PDB file of N, CA and C in Angstrom:
ATOM      1  N   MET A   1      23.329  18.459  -0.581  1.00  0.00           N
ATOM      2  CA  MET A   1      22.778  17.806  -1.884  1.00  0.00           C
ATOM      3  C   MET A   1      21.613  18.271  -2.291  1.00  0.00           C
ATOM      4  N   GLU A   2      21.476  18.788  -3.842  1.00  0.00           N
ATOM      5  CA  GLU A   2      20.334  19.150  -4.089  1.00  0.00           C
ATOM      6  C   GLU A   2      19.361  17.939  -4.575  1.00  0.00           C
ATOM      7  N   THR A   3      17.764  18.360  -4.591  1.00  0.00           N
ATOM      8  CA  THR A   3      16.921  17.788  -4.790  1.00  0.00           C
ATOM      9  C   THR A   3      16.633  16.999  -5.817  1.00  0.00           C
ATOM     10  N   ALA A   4      16.996  17.021  -6.630  1.00  0.00           N
ATOM     11  CA  ALA A   4      16.828  16.288  -8.050  1.00  0.00           C
ATOM     12  C   ALA A   4      18.114  15.139  -7.822  1.00  0.00           C
ATOM     13  N   ARG A   5      19.586  14.964  -7.014  1.00  0.00           N
ATOM     14  CA  ARG A   5      20.313  14.171  -7.128  1.00  0.00           C
ATOM     15  C   ARG A   5      20.049  13.533  -5.444  1.00  0.00           C
ATOM     16  N   ALA A   6      19.182  14.135  -4.795  1.00  0.00           N
ATOM     17  CA  ALA A   6      18.873  12.873  -3.994  1.00  0.00           C
ATOM     18  C   ALA A   6      17.665  12.203  -4.516  1.00  0.00           C
ATOM     19  N   LEU A   7      17.226  12.364  -4.806  1.00  0.00           N
ATOM     20  CA  LEU A   7      15.696  11.684  -5.608  1.00  0.00           C
ATOM     21  C   LEU A   7      16.275  10.539  -6.670  1.00  0.00           C
ATOM     22  N   GLN A   8      17.440  10.986  -6.780  1.00  0.00           N
ATOM     23  CA  GLN A   8      17.892  10.116  -7.888  1.00  0.00           C
ATOM     24  C   GLN A   8      19.175   9.105  -7.323  1.00  0.00           C
ATOM     25  N   HIS A   9      19.051   9.353  -6.070  1.00  0.00           N
ATOM     26  CA  HIS A   9      19.937   8.840  -5.085  1.00  0.00           C
ATOM     27  C   HIS A   9      18.803   7.357  -4.419  1.00  0.00           C
ATOM     28  N   ALA A  10      18.005   8.239  -3.962  1.00  0.00           N
ATOM     29  CA  ALA A  10      16.810   7.531  -3.305  1.00  0.00           C
ATOM     30  C   ALA A  10      15.936   6.346  -4.317  1.00  0.00           C
ATOM     31  N   ILE A  11      15.597   7.196  -5.492  1.00  0.00           N
ATOM     32  CA  ILE A  11      14.982   5.866  -6.550  1.00  0.00           C
ATOM     33  C   ILE A  11      15.535   4.581  -6.780  1.00  0.00           C
ATOM     34  N   GLY A  12      16.931   5.290  -7.582  1.00  0.00           N
ATOM     35  CA  GLY A  12      17.849   4.497  -8.452  1.00  0.00           C
ATOM     36  C   GLY A  12      18.459   3.690  -6.948  1.00  0.00           C
ATOM     37  N   GLY A  13      18.973   3.910  -6.334  1.00  0.00           N
ATOM     38  CA  GLY A  13      19.693   3.299  -5.155  1.00  0.00           C
ATOM     39  C   GLY A  13      18.603   1.906  -4.440  1.00  0.00           C
ATOM     40  N   GLY A  14      17.427   3.028  -4.042  1.00  0.00           N
ATOM     41  CA  GLY A  14      16.092   1.907  -3.764  1.00  0.00           C
ATOM     42  C   GLY A  14      16.068   0.889  -4.246  1.00  0.00           C
ATOM     43  N   SER A  15      15.732   0.881  -5.774  1.00  0.00           N
ATOM     44  CA  SER A  15      15.698  -0.119  -6.693  1.00  0.00           C
ATOM     45  C   SER A  15      16.879  -1.012  -6.822  1.00  0.00           C
ATOM     46  N   LEU A  16      18.162  -0.755  -6.738  1.00  0.00           N
ATOM     47  CA  LEU A  16      19.380  -1.749  -6.627  1.00  0.00           C
ATOM     48  C   LEU A  16      19.212  -2.485  -5.258  1.00  0.00           C
ATOM     49  N   ALA A  17      18.830  -1.916  -4.467  1.00  0.00           N
ATOM     50  CA  ALA A  17      18.980  -2.403  -3.088  1.00  0.00           C
ATOM     51  C   ALA A  17      17.567  -3.294  -2.730  1.00  0.00           C
ATOM     52  N   LEU A  18      16.700  -3.157  -3.900  1.00  0.00           N
ATOM     53  CA  LEU A  18      15.653  -4.549  -4.142  1.00  0.00           C
ATOM     54  C   LEU A  18      15.985  -5.259  -4.635  1.00  0.00           C
ATOM     55  N   ALA A  19      16.700  -5.069  -6.325  1.00  0.00           N
ATOM     56  CA  ALA A  19      17.078  -5.781  -6.502  1.00  0.00           C
ATOM     57  C   ALA A  19      17.995  -6.440  -6.363  1.00  0.00           C
ATOM     58  N   ALA A  20      18.801  -6.437  -5.340  1.00  0.00           N
ATOM     59  CA  ALA A  20      19.919  -7.163  -4.311  1.00  0.00           C
ATOM     60  C   ALA A  20      19.278  -8.368  -4.252  1.00  0.00           C
ATOM     61  N   VAL A  21      18.414  -7.717  -2.908  1.00  0.00           N
ATOM     62  CA  VAL A  21      17.791  -8.857  -2.153  1.00  0.00           C
ATOM     63  C   VAL A  21      16.919  -9.760  -3.091  1.00  0.00           C
ATOM     64  N   GLY A  22      16.001  -9.199  -3.765  1.00  0.00           N
ATOM     65  CA  GLY A  22      15.371 -10.233  -4.779  1.00  0.00           C
ATOM     66  C   GLY A  22      16.298 -11.507  -5.407  1.00  0.00           C
ATOM     67  N   ILE A  23      17.254 -10.881  -6.219  1.00  0.00           N
ATOM     68  CA  ILE A  23      18.048 -11.696  -7.092  1.00  0.00           C
ATOM     69  C   ILE A  23      19.081 -12.713  -5.637  1.00  0.00           C
ATOM     70  N   LEU A  24      19.541 -12.115  -4.603  1.00  0.00           N
ATOM     71  CA  LEU A  24      20.323 -12.719  -4.052  1.00  0.00           C
ATOM     72  C   LEU A  24      19.579 -13.411  -3.073  1.00  0.00           C
ATOM     73  N   LYS A  25      19.063 -12.786  -2.252  1.00  0.00           N
ATOM     74  CA  LYS A  25      17.984 -13.029  -0.718  1.00  0.00           C
ATOM     75  C   LYS A  25      16.427 -13.509  -1.254  1.00  0.00           C
ATOM     76  N   PRO A  26      15.926 -14.399  -2.099  1.00  0.00           N
ATOM     77  CA  PRO A  26      14.377 -14.170  -2.677  1.00  0.00           C
ATOM     78  C   PRO A  26      13.577 -14.673  -1.579  1.00  0.00           C
ATOM     79  N   ARG A  27      14.021 -15.522  -0.618  1.00  0.00           N
ATOM     80  CA  ARG A  27      13.380 -15.591   0.244  1.00  0.00           C
ATOM     81  C   ARG A  27      13.037 -14.761   1.442  1.00  0.00           C
ATOM     82  N   LEU A  28      13.843 -13.530   1.938  1.00  0.00           N
ATOM     83  CA  LEU A  28      13.221 -12.641   2.420  1.00  0.00           C
ATOM     84  C   LEU A  28      12.383 -11.914   1.799  1.00  0.00           C
ATOM     85  N   ALA A  29      12.151 -11.892   0.543  1.00  0.00           N
ATOM     86  CA  ALA A  29      10.801 -11.004   0.063  1.00  0.00           C
ATOM     87  C   ALA A  29       9.452 -11.645   1.021  1.00  0.00           C
ATOM     88  N   ALA A  30       9.694 -13.092   1.432  1.00  0.00           N
ATOM     89  CA  ALA A  30       8.652 -13.848   1.565  1.00  0.00           C
ATOM     90  C   ALA A  30       7.449 -13.311   2.433  1.00  0.00           C
ATOM     91  N   TRP A  31       7.792 -11.922   3.012  1.00  0.00           N
ATOM     92  CA  TRP A  31       6.585 -11.040   3.939  1.00  0.00           C
ATOM     93  C   TRP A  31       5.329 -10.341   2.848  1.00  0.00           C
ATOM     94  N   THR A  32       6.514 -10.204   1.933  1.00  0.00           N
ATOM     95  CA  THR A  32       5.290  -9.597   0.437  1.00  0.00           C
ATOM     96  C   THR A  32       4.080 -10.406  -0.290  1.00  0.00           C
ATOM     97  N   GLY A  33       4.687 -11.945   0.068  1.00  0.00           N
ATOM     98  CA  GLY A  33       3.382 -12.803  -0.253  1.00  0.00           C
ATOM     99  C   GLY A  33       4.232 -12.911  -1.327  1.00  0.00           C
ATOM    100  N   VAL A  34       4.971 -13.254  -1.929  1.00  0.00           N
ATOM    101  CA  VAL A  34       6.219 -13.666  -3.712  1.00  0.00           C
ATOM    102  C   VAL A  34       6.555 -14.961  -3.173  1.00  0.00           C
ATOM    103  N   GLU A  35       6.537 -16.119  -4.009  1.00  0.00           N
ATOM    104  CA  GLU A  35       7.869 -17.217  -3.613  1.00  0.00           C
ATOM    105  C   GLU A  35       8.890 -16.526  -4.442  1.00  0.00           C
ATOM    106  N   PRO A  36       9.805 -17.137  -4.115  1.00  0.00           N
ATOM    107  CA  PRO A  36      11.131 -16.874  -4.583  1.00  0.00           C
ATOM    108  C   PRO A  36      11.776 -16.558  -6.056  1.00  0.00           C
ATOM    109  N   PRO A  37      11.095 -17.950  -6.636  1.00  0.00           N
ATOM    110  CA  PRO A  37      11.124 -17.290  -8.639  1.00  0.00           C
ATOM    111  C   PRO A  37      10.517 -16.478  -8.803  1.00  0.00           C
ATOM    112  N   GLU A  38       9.216 -15.881  -7.954  1.00  0.00           N
ATOM    113  CA  GLU A  38       8.783 -14.256  -8.668  1.00  0.00           C
ATOM    114  C   GLU A  38       9.800 -13.038  -8.031  1.00  0.00           C
ATOM    115  N   ALA A  39       9.955 -13.551  -6.930  1.00  0.00           N
ATOM    116  CA  ALA A  39      11.160 -12.723  -6.055  1.00  0.00           C
ATOM    117  C   ALA A  39      12.639 -12.273  -6.750  1.00  0.00           C
ATOM    118  N   ARG A  40      13.088 -13.389  -7.697  1.00  0.00           N
ATOM    119  CA  ARG A  40      14.236 -13.215  -8.363  1.00  0.00           C
ATOM    120  C   ARG A  40      13.759 -12.440  -9.600  1.00  0.00           C
ATOM    121  N   GLY A  41      12.556 -12.613 -10.440  1.00  0.00           N
ATOM    122  CA  GLY A  41      11.791 -12.120 -11.284  1.00  0.00           C
ATOM    123  C   GLY A  41      11.935  -9.780 -11.485  1.00  0.00           C
ATOM    124  N   LEU A  42      11.516 -10.445  -9.831  1.00  0.00           N
ATOM    125  CA  LEU A  42      11.299  -8.693  -9.992  1.00  0.00           C
ATOM    126  C   LEU A  42      12.005  -7.775  -9.026  1.00  0.00           C
ATOM    127  N   GLY A  43      13.407  -8.526  -8.429  1.00  0.00           N
ATOM    128  CA  GLY A  43      15.135  -8.582  -8.537  1.00  0.00           C
ATOM    129  C   GLY A  43      15.723  -7.452  -9.896  1.00  0.00           C
ATOM    130  N   PHE A  44      15.195  -8.772 -10.730  1.00  0.00           N
ATOM    131  CA  PHE A  44      16.246  -8.349 -12.300  1.00  0.00           C
ATOM    132  C   PHE A  44      15.309  -7.345 -13.098  1.00  0.00           C
ATOM    133  N   ARG A  45      13.727  -6.705 -12.932  1.00  0.00           N
ATOM    134  CA  ARG A  45      12.992  -5.847 -13.397  1.00  0.00           C
ATOM    135  C   ARG A  45      13.807  -4.491 -12.159  1.00  0.00           C
ATOM    136  N   ASP A  46      13.783  -5.117 -11.123  1.00  0.00           N
ATOM    137  CA  ASP A  46      14.732  -3.548 -10.332  1.00  0.00           C
ATOM    138  C   ASP A  46      15.624  -3.590 -11.038  1.00  0.00           C
ATOM    139  N   LEU A  47      16.237  -4.283 -10.870  1.00  0.00           N
ATOM    140  CA  LEU A  47      17.774  -4.192 -11.331  1.00  0.00           C
ATOM    141  C   LEU A  47      18.298  -3.007 -12.531  1.00  0.00           C
ATOM    142  N   VAL A  48      16.620  -3.035 -13.540  1.00  0.00           N
ATOM    143  CA  VAL A  48      16.987  -3.371 -15.289  1.00  0.00           C
ATOM    144  C   VAL A  48      16.447  -1.348 -14.408  1.00  0.00           C
ATOM    145  N   ILE A  49      15.111  -0.830 -13.658  1.00  0.00           N
ATOM    146  CA  ILE A  49      15.169   0.169 -13.542  1.00  0.00           C
ATOM    147  C   ILE A  49      15.766   1.416 -13.146  1.00  0.00           C
ATOM    148  N   GLY A  50      16.865   0.770 -11.868  1.00  0.00           N
ATOM    149  CA  GLY A  50      18.053   1.120 -11.043  1.00  0.00           C
ATOM    150  C   GLY A  50      19.008   1.918 -11.922  1.00  0.00           C
ATOM    151  N   ALA A  51      19.012   0.699 -13.058  1.00  0.00           N
ATOM    152  CA  ALA A  51      20.488   1.258 -13.805  1.00  0.00           C
ATOM    153  C   ALA A  51      19.419   2.729 -14.620  1.00  0.00           C
ATOM    154  N   ALA A  52      18.422   2.328 -14.987  1.00  0.00           N
ATOM    155  CA  ALA A  52      17.337   3.676 -16.007  1.00  0.00           C
ATOM    156  C   ALA A  52      17.838   4.397 -15.391  1.00  0.00           C
ATOM    157  N   VAL A  53      17.319   4.653 -14.033  1.00  0.00           N
ATOM    158  CA  VAL A  53      17.585   5.447 -13.425  1.00  0.00           C
ATOM    159  C   VAL A  53      18.783   6.381 -13.121  1.00  0.00           C
ATOM    160  N   TYR A  54      19.678   5.746 -13.266  1.00  0.00           N
ATOM    161  CA  TYR A  54      21.089   6.255 -13.431  1.00  0.00           C
ATOM    162  C   TYR A  54      21.699   6.952 -14.792  1.00  0.00           C
ATOM    163  N   ALA A  55      21.069   6.151 -15.681  1.00  0.00           N
ATOM    164  CA  ALA A  55      21.248   6.184 -16.907  1.00  0.00           C
ATOM    165  C   ALA A  55      20.474   7.788 -17.672  1.00  0.00           C
ATOM    166  N   ASP A  56      19.234   7.745 -17.722  1.00  0.00           N
ATOM    167  CA  ASP A  56      18.229   8.556 -17.916  1.00  0.00           C
ATOM    168  C   ASP A  56      17.374   8.566 -16.941  1.00  0.00           C
ATOM    169  N   PRO A  57      17.543   9.442 -15.876  1.00  0.00           N
ATOM    170  CA  PRO A  57      16.363   9.995 -14.661  1.00  0.00           C
ATOM    171  C   PRO A  57      14.292  10.111 -15.532  1.00  0.00           C
ATOM    172  N   ARG A  58      14.549  10.459 -16.497  1.00  0.00           N
ATOM    173  CA  ARG A  58      13.736  10.588 -17.067  1.00  0.00           C
ATOM    174  C   ARG A  58      12.596   9.415 -17.455  1.00  0.00           C
ATOM    175  N   ILE A  59      13.745   8.525 -17.812  1.00  0.00           N
ATOM    176  CA  ILE A  59      13.034   7.488 -17.988  1.00  0.00           C
ATOM    177  C   ILE A  59      13.127   6.047 -17.041  1.00  0.00           C
ATOM    178  N   GLY A  60      13.848   6.239 -16.304  1.00  0.00           N
ATOM    179  CA  GLY A  60      13.908   5.352 -15.178  1.00  0.00           C
ATOM    180  C   GLY A  60      12.552   5.950 -13.948  1.00  0.00           C
ATOM    181  N   TYR A  61      12.188   7.158 -14.053  1.00  0.00           N
ATOM    182  CA  TYR A  61      11.210   7.211 -12.942  1.00  0.00           C
ATOM    183  C   TYR A  61      10.090   6.849 -13.835  1.00  0.00           C
ATOM    184  N   LEU A  62      10.023   7.484 -15.076  1.00  0.00           N
ATOM    185  CA  LEU A  62       8.517   6.769 -15.451  1.00  0.00           C
ATOM    186  C   LEU A  62       8.446   5.304 -15.291  1.00  0.00           C
ATOM    187  N   GLN A  63       9.037   4.752 -15.299  1.00  0.00           N
ATOM    188  CA  GLN A  63       9.508   3.310 -15.457  1.00  0.00           C
ATOM    189  C   GLN A  63       8.919   2.842 -14.458  1.00  0.00           C
ATOM    190  N   ARG A  64       9.924   3.389 -13.467  1.00  0.00           N
ATOM    191  CA  ARG A  64       9.539   2.836 -12.050  1.00  0.00           C
ATOM    192  C   ARG A  64       8.000   3.424 -11.547  1.00  0.00           C
ATOM    193  N   ALA A  65       7.291   4.705 -12.058  1.00  0.00           N
ATOM    194  CA  ALA A  65       5.923   4.939 -11.428  1.00  0.00           C
ATOM    195  C   ALA A  65       5.155   3.606 -12.555  1.00  0.00           C
ATOM    196  N   ILE A  66       5.847   3.332 -13.768  1.00  0.00           N
ATOM    197  CA  ILE A  66       4.882   2.223 -14.103  1.00  0.00           C
ATOM    198  C   ILE A  66       4.360   0.902 -13.124  1.00  0.00           C
ATOM    199  N   VAL A  67       5.769   0.664 -13.067  1.00  0.00           N
ATOM    200  CA  VAL A  67       5.634  -0.897 -12.382  1.00  0.00           C
ATOM    201  C   VAL A  67       5.057  -0.572 -10.846  1.00  0.00           C
ATOM    202  N   ASP A  68       5.238   0.442 -10.364  1.00  0.00           N
ATOM    203  CA  ASP A  68       4.769   0.103  -8.583  1.00  0.00           C
ATOM    204  C   ASP A  68       3.194   0.340  -8.711  1.00  0.00           C
ATOM    205  N   VAL A  69       2.892   1.370  -9.977  1.00  0.00           N
ATOM    206  CA  VAL A  69       1.128   1.211  -9.889  1.00  0.00           C
ATOM    207  C   VAL A  69       0.653   0.051  -9.650  1.00  0.00           C
ATOM    208  N   GLY A  70       1.885  -0.757 -11.106  1.00  0.00           N
ATOM    209  CA  GLY A  70       0.724  -2.180 -11.322  1.00  0.00           C
ATOM    210  C   GLY A  70       1.106  -3.199 -10.179  1.00  0.00           C
ATOM    211  N   ASP A  71       2.403  -2.897  -9.096  1.00  0.00           N
ATOM    212  CA  ASP A  71       2.529  -3.062  -7.796  1.00  0.00           C
ATOM    213  C   ASP A  71       1.202  -3.562  -7.219  1.00  0.00           C
ATOM    214  N   ALA A  72       1.521  -2.319  -7.079  1.00  0.00           N
ATOM    215  CA  ALA A  72      -0.085  -1.483  -6.037  1.00  0.00           C
ATOM    216  C   ALA A  72      -0.908  -2.479  -5.868  1.00  0.00           C
ATOM    217  N   LEU A  73      -1.961  -2.487  -7.633  1.00  0.00           N
ATOM    218  CA  LEU A  73      -2.730  -3.350  -8.024  1.00  0.00           C
ATOM    219  C   LEU A  73      -2.726  -4.405  -8.191  1.00  0.00           C
ATOM    220  N   VAL A  74      -1.665  -5.513  -8.208  1.00  0.00           N
ATOM    221  CA  VAL A  74      -1.356  -6.863  -7.995  1.00  0.00           C
ATOM    222  C   VAL A  74      -1.677  -7.175  -6.322  1.00  0.00           C
ATOM    223  N   PHE A  75      -0.509  -6.157  -5.776  1.00  0.00           N
ATOM    224  CA  PHE A  75      -0.469  -6.767  -3.909  1.00  0.00           C
ATOM    225  C   PHE A  75      -1.488  -5.918  -3.171  1.00  0.00           C
ATOM    226  N   ALA A  76      -3.289  -5.633  -4.004  1.00  0.00           N
ATOM    227  CA  ALA A  76      -3.778  -4.892  -3.138  1.00  0.00           C
ATOM    228  C   ALA A  76      -4.467  -6.311  -2.437  1.00  0.00           C
ATOM    229  N   ARG A  77      -4.568  -7.163  -2.899  1.00  0.00           N
ATOM    230  CA  ARG A  77      -5.241  -8.375  -2.745  1.00  0.00           C
ATOM    231  C   ARG A  77      -4.414  -9.717  -1.480  1.00  0.00           C
ATOM    232  N   ARG A  78      -3.203  -9.354  -2.168  1.00  0.00           N
ATOM    233  CA  ARG A  78      -2.069 -10.118  -1.245  1.00  0.00           C
ATOM    234  C   ARG A  78      -1.515  -9.495  -0.091  1.00  0.00           C
ATOM    235  N   ASN A  79      -1.070  -7.816   0.114  1.00  0.00           N
ATOM    236  CA  ASN A  79      -0.625  -7.514   1.472  1.00  0.00           C
ATOM    237  C   ASN A  79      -0.456  -6.072   1.114  1.00  0.00           C
ATOM    238  N   GLY A  80      -1.630  -5.649   1.929  1.00  0.00           N
ATOM    239  CA  GLY A  80      -1.833  -4.154   1.891  1.00  0.00           C
ATOM    240  C   GLY A  80      -0.707  -3.835   1.781  1.00  0.00           C
ATOM    241  N   VAL A  81       0.027  -3.457   2.772  1.00  0.00           N
ATOM    242  CA  VAL A  81       1.191  -2.739   2.952  1.00  0.00           C
ATOM    243  C   VAL A  81       2.488  -2.365   1.894  1.00  0.00           C
ATOM    244  N   VAL A  82       2.540  -3.544   1.682  1.00  0.00           N
ATOM    245  CA  VAL A  82       3.126  -3.129   0.095  1.00  0.00           C
ATOM    246  C   VAL A  82       2.153  -2.951  -1.247  1.00  0.00           C
ATOM    247  N   SER A  83       0.920  -3.153  -1.156  1.00  0.00           N
ATOM    248  CA  SER A  83      -0.030  -1.642  -1.919  1.00  0.00           C
ATOM    249  C   SER A  83       0.109  -0.543  -1.756  1.00  0.00           C
ATOM    250  N   ALA A  84       0.512  -0.619  -0.742  1.00  0.00           N
ATOM    251  CA  ALA A  84       0.378   0.895  -0.094  1.00  0.00           C
ATOM    252  C   ALA A  84       2.248   1.705  -0.329  1.00  0.00           C
ATOM    253  N   LEU A  85       3.132   0.907  -0.012  1.00  0.00           N
ATOM    254  CA  LEU A  85       3.986   1.312  -0.233  1.00  0.00           C
ATOM    255  C   LEU A  85       4.326   1.888  -1.918  1.00  0.00           C
ATOM    256  N   GLY A  86       4.275   0.501  -2.599  1.00  0.00           N
ATOM    257  CA  GLY A  86       3.805   1.125  -4.385  1.00  0.00           C
ATOM    258  C   GLY A  86       3.026   2.400  -4.711  1.00  0.00           C
ATOM    259  N   VAL A  87       2.409   2.216  -4.083  1.00  0.00           N
ATOM    260  CA  VAL A  87       1.737   3.702  -4.425  1.00  0.00           C
ATOM    261  C   VAL A  87       2.605   5.111  -3.985  1.00  0.00           C
ATOM    262  N   GLY A  88       2.917   5.305  -2.889  1.00  0.00           N
ATOM    263  CA  GLY A  88       3.911   5.947  -2.364  1.00  0.00           C
ATOM    264  C   GLY A  88       5.211   6.031  -3.130  1.00  0.00           C
ATOM    265  N   SER A  89       6.068   4.944  -3.956  1.00  0.00           N
ATOM    266  CA  SER A  89       6.989   5.025  -4.557  1.00  0.00           C
ATOM    267  C   SER A  89       6.621   5.691  -5.837  1.00  0.00           C
ATOM    268  N   ALA A  90       5.021   5.089  -6.430  1.00  0.00           N
ATOM    269  CA  ALA A  90       4.798   5.842  -7.736  1.00  0.00           C
ATOM    270  C   ALA A  90       4.688   7.136  -7.395  1.00  0.00           C
ATOM    271  N   ALA A  91       4.244   7.659  -6.057  1.00  0.00           N
ATOM    272  CA  ALA A  91       4.234   9.058  -6.474  1.00  0.00           C
ATOM    273  C   ALA A  91       5.512  10.070  -6.185  1.00  0.00           C
ATOM    274  N   LEU A  92       6.043   9.319  -5.768  1.00  0.00           N
ATOM    275  CA  LEU A  92       7.715   9.506  -5.383  1.00  0.00           C
ATOM    276  C   LEU A  92       8.150   9.936  -6.922  1.00  0.00           C
ATOM    277  N   ALA A  93       8.400   8.824  -7.207  1.00  0.00           N
ATOM    278  CA  ALA A  93       8.989   8.769  -8.964  1.00  0.00           C
ATOM    279  C   ALA A  93       8.281   9.762  -9.958  1.00  0.00           C
ATOM    280  N   VAL A  94       6.985  10.056  -9.527  1.00  0.00           N
ATOM    281  CA  VAL A  94       6.137  10.966 -10.900  1.00  0.00           C
ATOM    282  C   VAL A  94       6.845  12.273  -9.763  1.00  0.00           C
ATOM    283  N   TYR A  95       7.029  12.598  -8.987  1.00  0.00           N
ATOM    284  CA  TYR A  95       7.621  13.739  -8.163  1.00  0.00           C
ATOM    285  C   TYR A  95       8.733  14.201  -9.078  1.00  0.00           C
ATOM    286  N   ALA A  96       9.946  13.340  -8.388  1.00  0.00           N
ATOM    287  CA  ALA A  96      10.701  13.306  -9.663  1.00  0.00           C
ATOM    288  C   ALA A  96      11.576  13.733 -11.077  1.00  0.00           C
ATOM    289  N   ARG A  97      10.111  12.951 -11.169  1.00  0.00           N
ATOM    290  CA  ARG A  97      10.366  12.997 -12.715  1.00  0.00           C
ATOM    291  C   ARG A  97       9.428  14.683 -13.517  1.00  0.00           C
ATOM    292  N   THR A  98       9.244  15.187 -12.785  1.00  0.00           N
ATOM    293  CA  THR A  98       9.214  16.834 -12.547  1.00  0.00           C
ATOM    294  C   THR A  98      10.221  17.286 -12.204  1.00  0.00           C
ATOM    295  N   ARG A  99      10.954  17.202 -11.672  1.00  0.00           N
ATOM    296  CA  ARG A  99      12.496  17.949 -11.106  1.00  0.00           C
ATOM    297  C   ARG A  99      13.431  17.529 -11.935  1.00  0.00           C
ATOM    298  N   VAL A 100      13.369  16.865 -12.963  1.00  0.00           N
ATOM    299  CA  VAL A 100      14.662  16.701 -13.923  1.00  0.00           C
ATOM    300  C   VAL A 100      14.444  17.335 -14.944  1.00  0.00           C
TER     301      VAL A 100
END
């Protein structure tokens, strides 16, 4: 599988998986420090981003990078691991954007 397609599936599929958890099982997100209503909201946000990655990767990757930087800043005080994951995910999205 070519790199661009693998990145699209990793980022788009990952966003859709996070969306499913946030929407359907929001209590599973408790380890991140969010309450269920917030987890649902983040789930719907990730659903839109996952769809955007498949509809137009250039826009979807930018959306993913922007919200992940925002999440890294917000979660820096709540959960350092989640904050670090946000930075890593944003970096991957920026890299993927250079591959399309």
